[in-house]
Amino acid sequence: MPLIRPELLATGLCYDVRMRYHCELDPPKDRFDYHPEDPRRIYHIYRELCQAGLYSDPAFNVPVIEKPLQRIYARSATPEEICLVHTANHYNFLANTTSKTPLDRNSLAELTDVETDLNEEDLIHLERTLDSVYFNKLSFTSALLSAGGAIETCKAVMSGEVKNAIAVIRPPGHHAEFNRPMGFCLFDNVSVAARVCQADFPELCRKILILDWDVHHGNGIQQAFEQDPNVLYISIHVHEDGAFYPFGPYGDHLHCGAGPGLGKNINIPWPNKGMGDADYLYAFQQVVMPVAYSFDPDLVIIAAGFDAAAGDQLGLCFVSPTCYAHMTHMLMSLAKGKLVVCLEVRLLSEIHRAFLLTSGKGGYNLGSISKSALAVTRTMIGEPPDRLDQTKPTISGGATVDMVRAYQRRFWTCLGSMPDGNSKDALRAYQKEQLLDQFDMINLHIFRKNISKSFKHQVLATFNYAKAVPLMVLFHDPNHHQTGGYSSTKSVTDVELHDTLSWYREWAFKEGFAIIDVNFPNHHYDIDDMESRTYNKNAERAKRDAERTELAVYIWENYIECDCPPSCGLAEG
């Protein structure tokens, strides 16, 4: 079969109405809304694509573009394919949901013990017992089709049948762990498809990038590839210090993979809701794309939850369809354009939208997620994204990206090198000059012999620190830097500082606050060996912590005067 140039190939579309058969058996009677993982969600996206003329369906009498989407037909994933990610017990448990045989409720406590068929009463009981999942007699069928649709879509791209493709599939998958369903997810569709491609295309698909922009962390995908050095998983999600679903620390920036996969997991955990286009683009520009180019994947899969879209009442973020298009466009530059978008998104119903509109609690635009999927698909076909208006990230968004970038440098040289202690001294001196120019910051002297002289030039303050104005005191570790990626220069003027606190300084200065900036060096000089300026690399952490505490007390006693009433307790020292 002769090779066809990628630009001459069509974009693929996978959709199967049977995936809509997965729905609740017994929704609560007092609930004004349907389940957030609504069966209609894939239809709304499919309808949006058809009405835009991207795919020819007789049900929609609209003109079709010159090279419409090419249909990819879903099939049921096989047990062998599912078990590349999940346990046999997990597969058998979901398979048993198709039967009508009653089950002893006591055996439902542990999923791995379920080897008996489940009737409808058992399924309703499971829905109210398990973590955000529901079942009916056709859920297993829909789940197999969803995983099989992801597989066939990825295989169509890898085999050159289409240049790229979007899989409009459900139930979603990125929360499903190897031994349990959760978070509306039954099988981990993206992970299963990635594993199948690794097995079926061992020479063509050696490295896979999975980019997850769902507003929730994809704990299932992270778990599946935690120790795989050939799969890079990057997730951009709301974390709220573990208070946002799926809860806990697993989605924080410190989880970077394990064993041979160490460094191949990158979490960009937003500390709060409300992130918008500029935050996501900043994450792409500073972390996602530099690492992706360095990794050089053979296939890119987007776990495409659109619940960070503006208007989604669960995600409460403000990502526009245009921003989704720009992120897609950047990812299309990888892997010779071999890109697959697999749906992970959830919708709220029109009833919820009407309720929010009439109650004055803010509207929910049911079409926003469909519009986002349409923008992504148009970009995949070849249309350029529209312009973006928002360009500056929020303070918390920018600080989070800078934090992740700094932490990931230990694994990715493209993000900059890790500086040694002496270079950090030079960088602090250089930063001191910058802060003097920008904020009129001066050096506060430390006159105490038992505090390491490593703190010299580490305490800076604005000129108004002694005035009766609000004061912000920043205690922080040294700033990270990079030397232009692969540059070996040692000149501090060629260094790019990544200052995660610049956002806070700018805000405080604008509001008229006084600022005291305290940089805690990671390495302290030996007090008895200051002439040689050698670092005490073996100093105990307790000694460093004690010196830091001593410095904080010194600053409080000598440079800060509380203007509070005596009753507050602070004015008395």
Protein backbone atom coordinates (compact mmCIF):
# COMPACT_ATOMS: atom_id res chain seq x y z
CA MET A 1 0.00 0.00 0.00
CA PRO A 2 1.63 3.28 -1.06
CA LEU A 3 2.19 5.90 1.66
CA ILE A 4 -0.07 8.96 1.55
CA ARG A 5 1.22 12.35 2.64
CA PRO A 6 -0.35 13.22 6.04
CA GLU A 7 -1.74 16.51 4.76
CA LEU A 8 -3.80 14.59 2.20
CA LEU A 9 -5.41 12.37 4.82
CA ALA A 10 -8.70 13.16 6.51
CA THR A 11 -9.32 13.67 10.21
CA GLY A 12 -11.06 10.72 11.86
CA LEU A 13 -14.21 10.66 13.98
CA CYS A 14 -15.28 7.82 16.27
CA TYR A 15 -18.87 7.86 17.55
CA ASP A 16 -21.36 5.11 18.40
CA VAL A 17 -24.88 5.73 19.65
CA ARG A 18 -24.72 2.57 21.79
CA MET A 19 -22.42 4.38 24.20
CA ARG A 20 -25.48 6.39 25.23
CA TYR A 21 -27.10 3.28 26.69
CA HIS A 22 -25.10 3.70 29.91
CA CYS A 23 -27.39 5.67 32.25
CA GLU A 24 -28.80 5.70 35.77
CA LEU A 25 -31.35 3.07 36.76
CA ASP A 26 -32.94 5.01 39.58
CA PRO A 27 -32.10 8.71 39.68
CA PRO A 28 -33.16 10.45 42.92
CA LYS A 29 -36.76 11.65 42.66
CA ASP A 30 -36.06 14.92 44.46
CA ARG A 31 -33.16 15.91 42.21
CA PHE A 32 -33.84 18.73 39.76
CA ASP A 33 -31.06 17.61 37.47
CA TYR A 34 -29.76 14.53 35.71
CA HIS A 35 -26.45 12.92 36.55
CA PRO A 36 -23.46 15.12 35.51
CA GLU A 37 -22.18 12.24 33.32
CA ASP A 38 -25.22 12.54 31.09
CA PRO A 39 -25.68 10.17 28.09
CA ARG A 40 -26.61 13.13 25.92
CA ARG A 41 -23.17 14.69 26.20
CA ILE A 42 -21.66 12.76 23.29
CA TYR A 43 -24.73 13.43 21.15
CA HIS A 44 -24.44 17.19 21.68
CA ILE A 45 -20.83 17.11 20.50
CA TYR A 46 -21.63 14.84 17.56
CA ARG A 47 -24.54 17.10 16.57
CA GLU A 48 -22.29 20.17 16.80
CA LEU A 49 -19.78 18.60 14.41
CA CYS A 50 -22.51 17.61 11.96
CA GLN A 51 -24.27 20.97 12.03
CA ALA A 52 -20.94 22.65 11.35
CA GLY A 53 -20.66 20.60 8.17
CA LEU A 54 -17.64 18.59 9.33
CA TYR A 55 -19.38 15.21 8.99
CA SER A 56 -22.13 14.00 6.70
CA ASP A 57 -25.14 12.57 8.54
CA PRO A 58 -28.52 12.32 6.75
CA ALA A 59 -30.23 13.49 9.94
CA PHE A 60 -28.61 16.92 9.49
CA ASN A 61 -29.35 18.55 6.19
CA VAL A 62 -26.34 20.89 5.99
CA PRO A 63 -23.57 21.36 3.41
CA VAL A 64 -20.43 19.40 4.19
CA ILE A 65 -16.83 20.61 3.83
CA GLU A 66 -14.67 19.38 0.95
CA LYS A 67 -12.82 16.82 3.08
CA PRO A 68 -15.22 15.81 5.88
CA LEU A 69 -14.37 13.72 8.91
CA GLN A 70 -13.74 10.06 8.17
CA ARG A 71 -15.79 7.68 10.30
CA ILE A 72 -13.93 5.27 12.58
CA TYR A 73 -16.18 2.48 13.80
CA ALA A 74 -16.04 1.48 17.43
CA ARG A 75 -15.88 -2.14 18.54
CA SER A 76 -15.92 -3.86 21.90
CA ALA A 77 -12.52 -4.08 23.54
CA THR A 78 -11.42 -7.62 24.26
CA PRO A 79 -10.71 -8.96 27.76
CA GLU A 80 -7.05 -9.26 26.83
CA GLU A 81 -6.90 -5.59 25.84
CA ILE A 82 -8.70 -4.42 28.98
CA CYS A 83 -6.38 -6.49 31.16
CA LEU A 84 -3.34 -4.70 29.78
CA VAL A 85 -4.33 -2.06 32.36
CA HIS A 86 -6.97 -3.58 34.65
CA THR A 87 -7.08 -6.73 36.74
CA ALA A 88 -9.16 -9.74 35.68
CA ASN A 89 -11.29 -9.23 38.81
CA HIS A 90 -12.09 -5.69 37.71
CA TYR A 91 -13.12 -6.88 34.25
CA ASN A 92 -15.22 -9.73 35.66
CA PHE A 93 -16.94 -7.46 38.14
CA LEU A 94 -18.16 -5.14 35.36
CA ALA A 95 -19.08 -8.13 33.18
CA ASN A 96 -21.30 -9.42 35.99
CA THR A 97 -23.41 -6.25 35.90
CA THR A 98 -25.16 -7.56 32.77
CA SER A 99 -26.94 -10.45 34.53
CA LYS A 100 -30.22 -10.74 36.43
CA THR A 101 -29.10 -13.17 39.12
CA PRO A 102 -29.53 -11.76 42.68
CA LEU A 103 -26.44 -11.28 44.82
CA ASP A 104 -25.91 -11.35 48.58
CA ARG A 105 -25.46 -7.69 49.54
CA ASN A 106 -22.80 -8.56 52.08
CA SER A 107 -20.42 -9.54 49.27
CA LEU A 108 -20.58 -6.08 47.72
CA ALA A 109 -18.21 -4.65 50.30
CA GLU A 110 -15.12 -5.76 48.40
CA LEU A 111 -15.22 -5.56 44.61
CA THR A 112 -12.51 -8.16 44.14
CA ASP A 113 -14.75 -10.71 45.88
CA VAL A 114 -17.62 -10.23 43.43
CA GLU A 115 -17.81 -13.31 41.24
CA THR A 116 -21.58 -13.55 41.08
CA ASP A 117 -24.02 -11.87 38.71
CA LEU A 118 -25.72 -8.65 39.81
CA ASN A 119 -29.41 -7.80 39.43
CA GLU A 120 -30.88 -4.30 39.15
CA GLU A 121 -31.35 -3.87 42.89
CA ASP A 122 -27.71 -4.75 43.41
CA LEU A 123 -26.67 -2.21 40.76
CA ILE A 124 -28.67 0.55 42.45
CA HIS A 125 -27.06 -0.40 45.76
CA LEU A 126 -23.61 -0.23 44.15
CA GLU A 127 -24.36 3.22 42.75
CA ARG A 128 -25.07 4.47 46.26
CA THR A 129 -22.05 2.69 47.73
CA LEU A 130 -19.19 3.21 45.28
CA ASP A 131 -17.27 6.39 44.41
CA SER A 132 -19.33 8.39 41.89
CA VAL A 133 -20.34 5.60 39.49
CA TYR A 134 -23.62 4.10 38.34
CA PHE A 135 -24.58 0.98 36.37
CA ASN A 136 -27.37 -0.54 34.34
CA LYS A 137 -27.55 -3.73 32.31
CA LEU A 138 -25.92 -2.06 29.30
CA SER A 139 -23.16 -0.19 31.13
CA PHE A 140 -20.65 -2.97 30.45
CA THR A 141 -21.51 -2.90 26.73
CA SER A 142 -21.05 0.87 26.57
CA ALA A 143 -17.79 0.68 28.51
CA LEU A 144 -16.34 -1.94 26.15
CA LEU A 145 -17.34 0.19 23.16
CA SER A 146 -15.79 3.28 24.74
CA ALA A 147 -12.47 1.51 25.33
CA GLY A 148 -12.67 -0.17 21.92
CA GLY A 149 -13.44 3.16 20.27
CA ALA A 150 -10.33 4.69 21.83
CA ILE A 151 -8.27 1.70 20.64
CA GLU A 152 -9.54 1.84 17.05
CA THR A 153 -9.08 5.61 16.89
CA CYS A 154 -5.45 5.38 18.02
CA LYS A 155 -4.77 2.48 15.67
CA ALA A 156 -6.28 4.38 12.74
CA VAL A 157 -3.86 7.25 13.37
CA MET A 158 -0.84 5.01 13.92
CA SER A 159 -1.55 2.94 10.78
CA GLY A 160 -1.91 6.05 8.61
CA GLU A 161 -5.62 5.65 7.79
CA VAL A 162 -6.25 9.19 9.07
CA LYS A 163 -3.86 12.02 9.95
CA ASN A 164 -5.42 12.61 13.37
CA ALA A 165 -8.74 11.84 15.02
CA ILE A 166 -11.26 12.64 17.73
CA ALA A 167 -13.04 9.90 19.68
CA VAL A 168 -16.43 11.09 20.99
CA ILE A 169 -16.80 8.30 23.53
CA ARG A 170 -18.31 7.53 26.92
CA PRO A 171 -18.31 6.44 29.68
CA PRO A 172 -15.09 8.36 30.38
CA GLY A 173 -12.04 6.63 31.76
CA HIS A 174 -9.21 8.62 33.32
CA HIS A 175 -10.36 8.09 36.95
CA ALA A 176 -10.74 4.30 36.65
CA GLU A 177 -7.93 2.59 38.51
CA PHE A 178 -6.50 -0.85 37.79
CA ASN A 179 -8.83 -2.55 40.25
CA ARG A 180 -11.87 -0.30 40.67
CA PRO A 181 -14.22 2.05 38.82
CA MET A 182 -14.60 5.59 40.17
CA GLY A 183 -15.43 9.13 39.16
CA PHE A 184 -17.95 8.14 36.43
CA CYS A 185 -15.23 5.97 34.84
CA LEU A 186 -15.44 2.19 34.31
CA PHE A 187 -12.43 1.35 32.12
CA ASP A 188 -9.39 3.59 31.62
CA ASN A 189 -9.93 4.11 27.89
CA VAL A 190 -6.84 6.19 27.09
CA SER A 191 -4.48 3.92 29.02
CA VAL A 192 -5.90 0.79 27.40
CA ALA A 193 -5.54 2.33 23.93
CA ALA A 194 -1.96 3.42 24.67
CA ARG A 195 -1.02 -0.07 25.85
CA VAL A 196 -2.54 -1.65 22.73
CA CYS A 197 -0.57 0.72 20.49
CA GLN A 198 2.64 -0.13 22.33
CA ALA A 199 1.94 -3.83 21.71
CA ASP A 200 0.67 -3.57 18.11
CA PHE A 201 3.17 -0.96 16.85
CA PRO A 202 6.37 -1.75 18.80
CA GLU A 203 8.64 0.00 16.27
CA LEU A 204 6.38 2.92 15.34
CA CYS A 205 4.95 3.72 18.77
CA ARG A 206 7.80 3.55 21.22
CA LYS A 207 6.99 6.75 23.10
CA ILE A 208 3.55 8.19 23.89
CA LEU A 209 2.63 11.57 25.34
CA ILE A 210 -0.71 11.75 27.17
CA LEU A 211 -1.84 15.31 27.88
CA ASP A 212 -4.82 15.50 30.25
CA TRP A 213 -6.55 18.88 30.39
CA ASP A 214 -9.67 17.69 32.21
CA VAL A 215 -10.32 19.91 35.21
CA HIS A 216 -9.89 16.84 37.45
CA HIS A 217 -6.65 14.93 37.89
CA GLY A 218 -6.48 11.68 35.90
CA ASN A 219 -5.45 9.42 38.77
CA GLY A 220 -6.12 6.28 36.71
CA ILE A 221 -3.79 7.28 33.86
CA GLN A 222 -1.07 8.39 36.28
CA GLN A 223 -1.31 5.04 38.08
CA ALA A 224 -1.22 3.04 34.85
CA PHE A 225 2.08 4.55 33.63
CA GLU A 226 3.76 5.59 36.87
CA GLN A 227 6.74 3.31 36.23
CA ASP A 228 6.79 3.40 32.42
CA PRO A 229 9.68 5.48 31.00
CA ASN A 230 8.11 5.42 27.53
CA VAL A 231 4.85 7.17 28.44
CA LEU A 232 4.93 10.82 29.51
CA TYR A 233 1.77 11.85 31.36
CA ILE A 234 1.09 15.56 31.89
CA SER A 235 -2.04 16.66 33.72
CA ILE A 236 -3.33 20.23 34.14
CA HIS A 237 -6.07 20.23 36.76
CA VAL A 238 -7.63 21.95 39.74
CA HIS A 239 -6.11 20.48 42.89
CA GLU A 240 -6.92 22.85 45.78
CA ASP A 241 -4.27 21.16 47.91
CA GLY A 242 -6.06 17.82 47.58
CA ALA A 243 -9.55 19.13 48.37
CA PHE A 244 -10.79 18.77 44.76
CA TYR A 245 -11.85 15.45 43.26
CA PRO A 246 -10.32 12.84 43.19
CA PHE A 247 -8.94 14.24 46.48
CA GLY A 248 -5.65 13.67 48.25
CA PRO A 249 -2.03 14.45 47.37
CA TYR A 250 -1.71 12.11 44.35
CA GLY A 251 -2.24 14.98 41.91
CA ASP A 252 0.30 17.37 43.41
CA HIS A 253 3.51 18.48 41.69
CA LEU A 254 5.66 16.21 43.85
CA HIS A 255 4.34 13.02 42.20
CA CYS A 256 6.73 12.64 39.28
CA GLY A 257 6.59 8.91 38.54
CA ALA A 258 8.49 6.06 40.16
CA GLY A 259 11.30 3.64 39.38
CA PRO A 260 12.18 3.69 35.67
CA GLY A 261 9.29 6.10 35.10
CA LEU A 262 10.67 8.76 37.45
CA GLY A 263 10.35 12.14 35.74
CA LYS A 264 7.73 10.96 33.26
CA ASN A 265 4.79 12.28 35.29
CA ILE A 266 4.11 16.01 35.47
CA ASN A 267 1.19 17.45 37.41
CA ILE A 268 0.32 21.13 37.08
CA PRO A 269 -2.06 21.47 40.05
CA TRP A 270 -4.05 24.70 40.14
CA PRO A 271 -4.47 25.83 43.77
CA ASN A 272 -7.94 27.20 43.09
CA LYS A 273 -10.72 27.33 40.51
CA GLY A 274 -11.08 30.25 38.16
CA MET A 275 -8.14 29.60 35.83
CA GLY A 276 -8.48 30.94 32.31
CA ASP A 277 -6.88 30.97 28.88
CA ALA A 278 -3.69 32.78 29.91
CA ASP A 279 -3.02 30.32 32.73
CA TYR A 280 -3.32 27.30 30.46
CA LEU A 281 -1.24 28.87 27.70
CA TYR A 282 1.42 29.85 30.21
CA ALA A 283 1.53 26.22 31.39
CA PHE A 284 1.92 25.08 27.78
CA GLN A 285 4.62 27.59 26.95
CA GLN A 286 6.67 27.14 30.11
CA VAL A 287 6.31 23.41 30.85
CA VAL A 288 4.21 21.30 28.47
CA MET A 289 5.77 22.11 25.11
CA PRO A 290 9.45 22.32 26.16
CA VAL A 291 9.17 18.92 27.84
CA ALA A 292 7.12 17.47 24.99
CA TYR A 293 9.70 18.50 22.38
CA SER A 294 12.45 17.03 24.52
CA PHE A 295 10.53 13.76 24.97
CA ASP A 296 9.81 13.57 21.20
CA PRO A 297 6.78 11.22 21.23
CA ASP A 298 5.58 8.97 18.43
CA LEU A 299 1.92 9.48 19.37
CA VAL A 300 0.08 12.20 21.30
CA ILE A 301 -3.20 11.42 23.08
CA ILE A 302 -5.27 14.16 24.66
CA ALA A 303 -7.51 13.07 27.54
CA ALA A 304 -9.94 15.79 26.59
CA GLY A 305 -12.23 16.74 29.41
CA PHE A 306 -13.80 20.07 28.51
CA ASP A 307 -15.07 20.75 32.04
CA ALA A 308 -12.54 23.56 32.47
CA ALA A 309 -14.55 25.40 29.80
CA ALA A 310 -16.15 28.70 30.66
CA GLY A 311 -19.70 28.01 31.84
CA ASP A 312 -19.13 24.60 33.45
CA GLN A 313 -20.61 24.74 36.95
CA LEU A 314 -18.48 21.87 38.23
CA GLY A 315 -15.06 23.02 37.03
CA LEU A 316 -15.67 26.78 37.49
CA CYS A 317 -12.78 27.68 35.21
CA PHE A 318 -12.81 29.96 32.17
CA VAL A 319 -11.04 28.22 29.29
CA SER A 320 -12.45 29.34 25.94
CA PRO A 321 -12.93 27.23 22.79
CA THR A 322 -10.17 29.32 21.20
CA CYS A 323 -7.73 28.38 23.95
CA TYR A 324 -8.51 24.68 23.48
CA ALA A 325 -7.81 25.20 19.78
CA HIS A 326 -4.44 26.83 20.49
CA MET A 327 -3.39 24.02 22.84
CA THR A 328 -4.38 21.47 20.19
CA HIS A 329 -2.48 23.37 17.52
CA MET A 330 0.70 23.29 19.61
CA LEU A 331 0.38 19.56 20.25
CA MET A 332 -0.11 18.93 16.52
CA SER A 333 3.50 19.97 15.99
CA LEU A 334 4.61 16.78 17.79
CA ALA A 335 4.83 13.16 16.60
CA LYS A 336 4.57 14.18 12.93
CA GLY A 337 0.99 15.25 13.61
CA LYS A 338 -0.17 11.88 15.02
CA LEU A 339 -2.71 13.20 17.49
CA VAL A 340 -5.77 11.56 19.05
CA VAL A 341 -8.37 13.38 21.15
CA CYS A 342 -10.33 11.09 23.48
CA LEU A 343 -13.33 12.55 25.24
CA GLU A 344 -13.32 12.62 29.04
CA VAL A 345 -15.83 15.42 29.52
CA ARG A 346 -19.08 15.55 31.51
CA LEU A 347 -22.12 17.74 30.96
CA LEU A 348 -24.84 19.14 33.15
CA SER A 349 -28.37 19.02 31.86
CA GLU A 350 -30.54 21.71 30.38
CA ILE A 351 -32.70 21.49 33.51
CA HIS A 352 -29.69 22.51 35.59
CA ARG A 353 -28.97 25.30 33.16
CA ALA A 354 -32.56 26.58 33.38
CA PHE A 355 -32.47 26.35 37.17
CA LEU A 356 -29.24 28.33 37.38
CA LEU A 357 -30.58 30.97 35.02
CA THR A 358 -33.91 31.39 36.82
CA SER A 359 -32.41 31.25 40.31
CA GLY A 360 -29.92 34.01 39.55
CA LYS A 361 -26.97 31.77 40.48
CA GLY A 362 -25.27 32.18 37.12
CA GLY A 363 -25.93 30.53 33.78
CA TYR A 364 -24.54 27.31 32.45
CA ASN A 365 -24.06 27.24 28.71
CA LEU A 366 -24.72 23.69 27.56
CA GLY A 367 -23.17 24.53 24.21
CA SER A 368 -19.84 25.72 25.61
CA ILE A 369 -18.38 22.23 25.85
CA SER A 370 -19.67 21.28 22.41
CA LYS A 371 -18.22 24.51 21.02
CA SER A 372 -14.88 23.63 22.59
CA ALA A 373 -14.89 20.20 20.95
CA LEU A 374 -15.81 21.83 17.65
CA ALA A 375 -12.92 24.31 17.93
CA VAL A 376 -10.49 21.46 18.61
CA THR A 377 -11.78 19.48 15.64
CA ARG A 378 -11.60 22.46 13.28
CA THR A 379 -7.96 22.92 14.29
CA MET A 380 -7.24 19.24 13.66
CA ILE A 381 -8.75 19.55 10.18
CA GLY A 382 -6.37 22.40 9.43
CA GLU A 383 -8.14 25.65 10.29
CA PRO A 384 -5.97 28.14 12.21
CA PRO A 385 -7.17 29.07 15.72
CA ASP A 386 -8.70 32.48 16.37
CA ARG A 387 -6.82 35.15 18.27
CA LEU A 388 -6.77 35.22 22.06
CA ASP A 389 -7.32 38.40 24.04
CA GLN A 390 -6.15 37.28 27.48
CA THR A 391 -2.36 36.96 27.67
CA LYS A 392 -1.30 37.47 31.31
CA PRO A 393 -1.85 34.57 33.73
CA THR A 394 -3.34 35.04 37.17
CA ILE A 395 -1.02 35.41 40.15
CA SER A 396 -1.76 31.93 41.50
CA GLY A 397 -1.70 30.36 38.04
CA GLY A 398 1.64 31.86 37.10
CA ALA A 399 3.16 30.95 40.46
CA THR A 400 1.96 27.35 40.12
CA VAL A 401 3.49 26.95 36.66
CA ASP A 402 6.76 28.46 37.86
CA MET A 403 6.78 26.09 40.83
CA VAL A 404 6.25 23.05 38.61
CA ARG A 405 8.88 24.21 36.14
CA ALA A 406 11.40 24.72 38.92
CA TYR A 407 10.72 21.31 40.46
CA GLN A 408 10.81 19.43 37.15
CA ARG A 409 14.25 20.80 36.25
CA ARG A 410 15.82 17.89 38.07
CA PHE A 411 14.39 15.63 35.34
CA TRP A 412 14.30 17.90 32.27
CA THR A 413 17.33 19.96 31.23
CA CYS A 414 15.15 21.81 28.71
CA LEU A 415 13.60 23.60 31.70
CA GLY A 416 17.00 24.79 32.93
CA SER A 417 19.78 23.45 35.11
CA MET A 418 19.81 23.14 38.88
CA PRO A 419 22.20 25.81 40.22
CA ASP A 420 24.81 25.12 42.88
CA GLY A 421 25.18 27.11 46.07
CA ASN A 422 27.78 29.60 44.80
CA SER A 423 25.75 30.44 41.71
CA LYS A 424 22.74 31.10 43.93
CA ASP A 425 24.71 33.72 45.83
CA ALA A 426 25.49 35.43 42.54
CA LEU A 427 21.88 35.17 41.47
CA ARG A 428 20.65 36.73 44.71
CA ALA A 429 23.06 39.63 44.23
CA TYR A 430 21.79 40.02 40.68
CA GLN A 431 18.20 39.86 41.87
CA LYS A 432 18.98 42.46 44.51
CA GLU A 433 19.93 44.89 41.74
CA GLN A 434 16.70 44.13 39.89
CA LEU A 435 14.56 44.60 43.01
CA LEU A 436 16.33 47.87 43.75
CA ASP A 437 15.42 49.18 40.30
CA GLN A 438 11.86 47.85 40.33
CA PHE A 439 10.74 48.35 43.95
CA ASP A 440 13.47 50.53 45.54
CA MET A 441 14.43 47.61 47.78
CA ILE A 442 17.46 47.95 50.03
CA ASN A 443 19.53 45.53 52.07
CA LEU A 444 18.67 45.05 55.76
CA HIS A 445 21.81 44.28 57.78
CA ILE A 446 21.92 41.36 60.20
CA PHE A 447 24.11 42.09 63.25
CA ARG A 448 24.21 38.82 65.14
CA LYS A 449 27.28 36.59 65.32
CA ASN A 450 25.46 33.30 65.82
CA ILE A 451 23.49 33.69 62.58
CA SER A 452 25.33 32.37 59.54
CA LYS A 453 26.84 35.01 57.29
CA SER A 454 25.18 33.12 54.45
CA PHE A 455 22.24 35.41 55.16
CA LYS A 456 24.19 38.48 54.05
CA HIS A 457 22.29 40.21 51.21
CA GLN A 458 19.40 37.77 51.73
CA VAL A 459 17.09 40.23 53.57
CA LEU A 460 15.77 43.06 51.41
CA ALA A 461 13.08 45.65 52.09
CA THR A 462 11.28 48.48 50.37
CA PHE A 463 12.18 52.01 51.51
CA ASN A 464 8.87 52.36 53.43
CA TYR A 465 9.28 49.29 55.64
CA ALA A 466 9.51 51.45 58.79
CA LYS A 467 6.40 53.48 58.00
CA ALA A 468 2.91 52.86 59.38
CA VAL A 469 1.66 51.04 56.31
CA PRO A 470 0.56 47.41 55.73
CA LEU A 471 3.56 45.09 55.56
CA MET A 472 4.08 41.90 53.57
CA VAL A 473 6.94 39.66 54.74
CA LEU A 474 8.02 36.96 52.28
CA PHE A 475 10.07 34.02 53.52
CA HIS A 476 11.16 31.80 50.64
CA ASP A 477 13.73 29.39 49.27
CA PRO A 478 16.18 30.55 46.57
CA ASN A 479 14.79 31.37 43.15
CA HIS A 480 15.49 28.94 40.35
CA HIS A 481 17.13 29.87 37.09
CA GLN A 482 17.92 28.57 33.67
CA THR A 483 20.70 29.43 31.28
CA GLY A 484 18.81 29.45 28.05
CA GLY A 485 18.08 25.72 27.92
CA TYR A 486 21.20 24.10 26.52
CA SER A 487 23.58 27.05 27.01
CA SER A 488 26.63 26.42 29.19
CA THR A 489 27.24 30.09 30.00
CA LYS A 490 28.18 31.02 33.55
CA SER A 491 27.49 34.72 33.18
CA VAL A 492 24.73 35.85 35.49
CA THR A 493 23.56 38.37 32.88
CA ASP A 494 22.70 35.44 30.57
CA VAL A 495 20.58 33.78 33.24
CA GLU A 496 16.79 33.82 33.23
CA LEU A 497 15.40 34.02 36.75
CA HIS A 498 12.16 32.18 37.54
CA ASP A 499 10.84 34.13 40.50
CA THR A 500 7.60 32.56 41.73
CA LEU A 501 6.97 35.48 44.11
CA SER A 502 7.19 38.29 41.57
CA TRP A 503 3.41 38.24 41.21
CA TYR A 504 2.95 38.89 44.94
CA ARG A 505 5.59 41.63 45.09
CA GLU A 506 3.99 43.45 42.15
CA TRP A 507 0.56 43.30 43.77
CA ALA A 508 1.78 44.45 47.20
CA PHE A 509 3.84 47.30 45.74
CA LYS A 510 0.87 48.46 43.66
CA GLU A 511 -1.36 48.44 46.76
CA GLY A 512 1.13 50.55 48.75
CA PHE A 513 2.35 47.78 51.04
CA ALA A 514 5.83 47.72 52.50
CA ILE A 515 7.74 44.53 51.61
CA ILE A 516 10.44 42.60 53.45
CA ASP A 517 11.85 39.83 51.29
CA VAL A 518 13.81 37.08 53.09
CA ASN A 519 15.67 34.53 50.99
CA PHE A 520 16.57 31.34 52.90
CA PRO A 521 19.67 29.81 51.25
CA ASN A 522 19.63 26.03 50.95
CA HIS A 523 23.33 25.87 51.88
CA HIS A 524 24.97 27.73 54.77
CA TYR A 525 28.66 28.53 54.90
CA ASP A 526 30.64 27.05 57.81
CA ILE A 527 30.75 29.85 60.35
CA ASP A 528 34.38 29.04 61.17
CA ASP A 529 35.49 28.85 57.55
CA MET A 530 34.17 32.01 55.98
CA GLU A 531 37.41 32.87 54.20
CA SER A 532 37.37 29.72 52.11
CA ARG A 533 33.62 30.21 51.38
CA THR A 534 33.09 26.48 51.17
CA TYR A 535 29.61 25.19 51.74
CA ASN A 536 28.83 23.04 54.75
CA LYS A 537 27.10 20.35 52.71
CA ASN A 538 26.89 18.03 55.75
CA ALA A 539 25.15 20.51 58.03
CA GLU A 540 22.18 19.03 59.76
CA ARG A 541 18.72 20.18 58.77
CA ALA A 542 17.98 21.00 62.39
CA LYS A 543 20.87 23.49 62.49
CA ARG A 544 19.65 25.23 59.34
CA ASP A 545 16.10 25.37 60.68
CA ALA A 546 17.34 26.82 63.96
CA GLU A 547 19.26 29.54 62.10
CA ARG A 548 16.21 30.36 60.02
CA THR A 549 14.09 30.66 63.14
CA GLU A 550 16.73 32.86 64.75
CA LEU A 551 16.75 35.11 61.68
CA ALA A 552 12.95 35.42 61.69
CA VAL A 553 13.00 36.42 65.37
CA TYR A 554 15.79 38.92 64.71
CA ILE A 555 13.79 40.57 61.90
CA TRP A 556 10.70 40.73 64.10
CA GLU A 557 12.55 42.27 67.02
CA ASN A 558 14.63 44.77 65.05
CA TYR A 559 12.75 45.76 61.90
CA ILE A 560 9.03 45.24 62.56
CA GLU A 561 6.96 47.34 64.92
CA CYS A 562 3.39 46.22 65.50
CA ASP A 563 0.79 49.00 65.31
CA CYS A 564 -1.88 46.83 66.94
CA PRO A 565 -3.61 47.54 70.28
CA PRO A 566 -1.97 45.92 73.32
CA SER A 567 -4.86 43.47 73.57
CA CYS A 568 -3.70 41.64 70.42
CA GLY A 569 -0.63 40.29 72.23
CA LEU A 570 1.76 41.06 69.37
CA ALA A 571 2.65 44.56 70.45
CA GLU A 572 4.07 43.18 73.69
CA GLY A 573 6.55 40.98 71.73
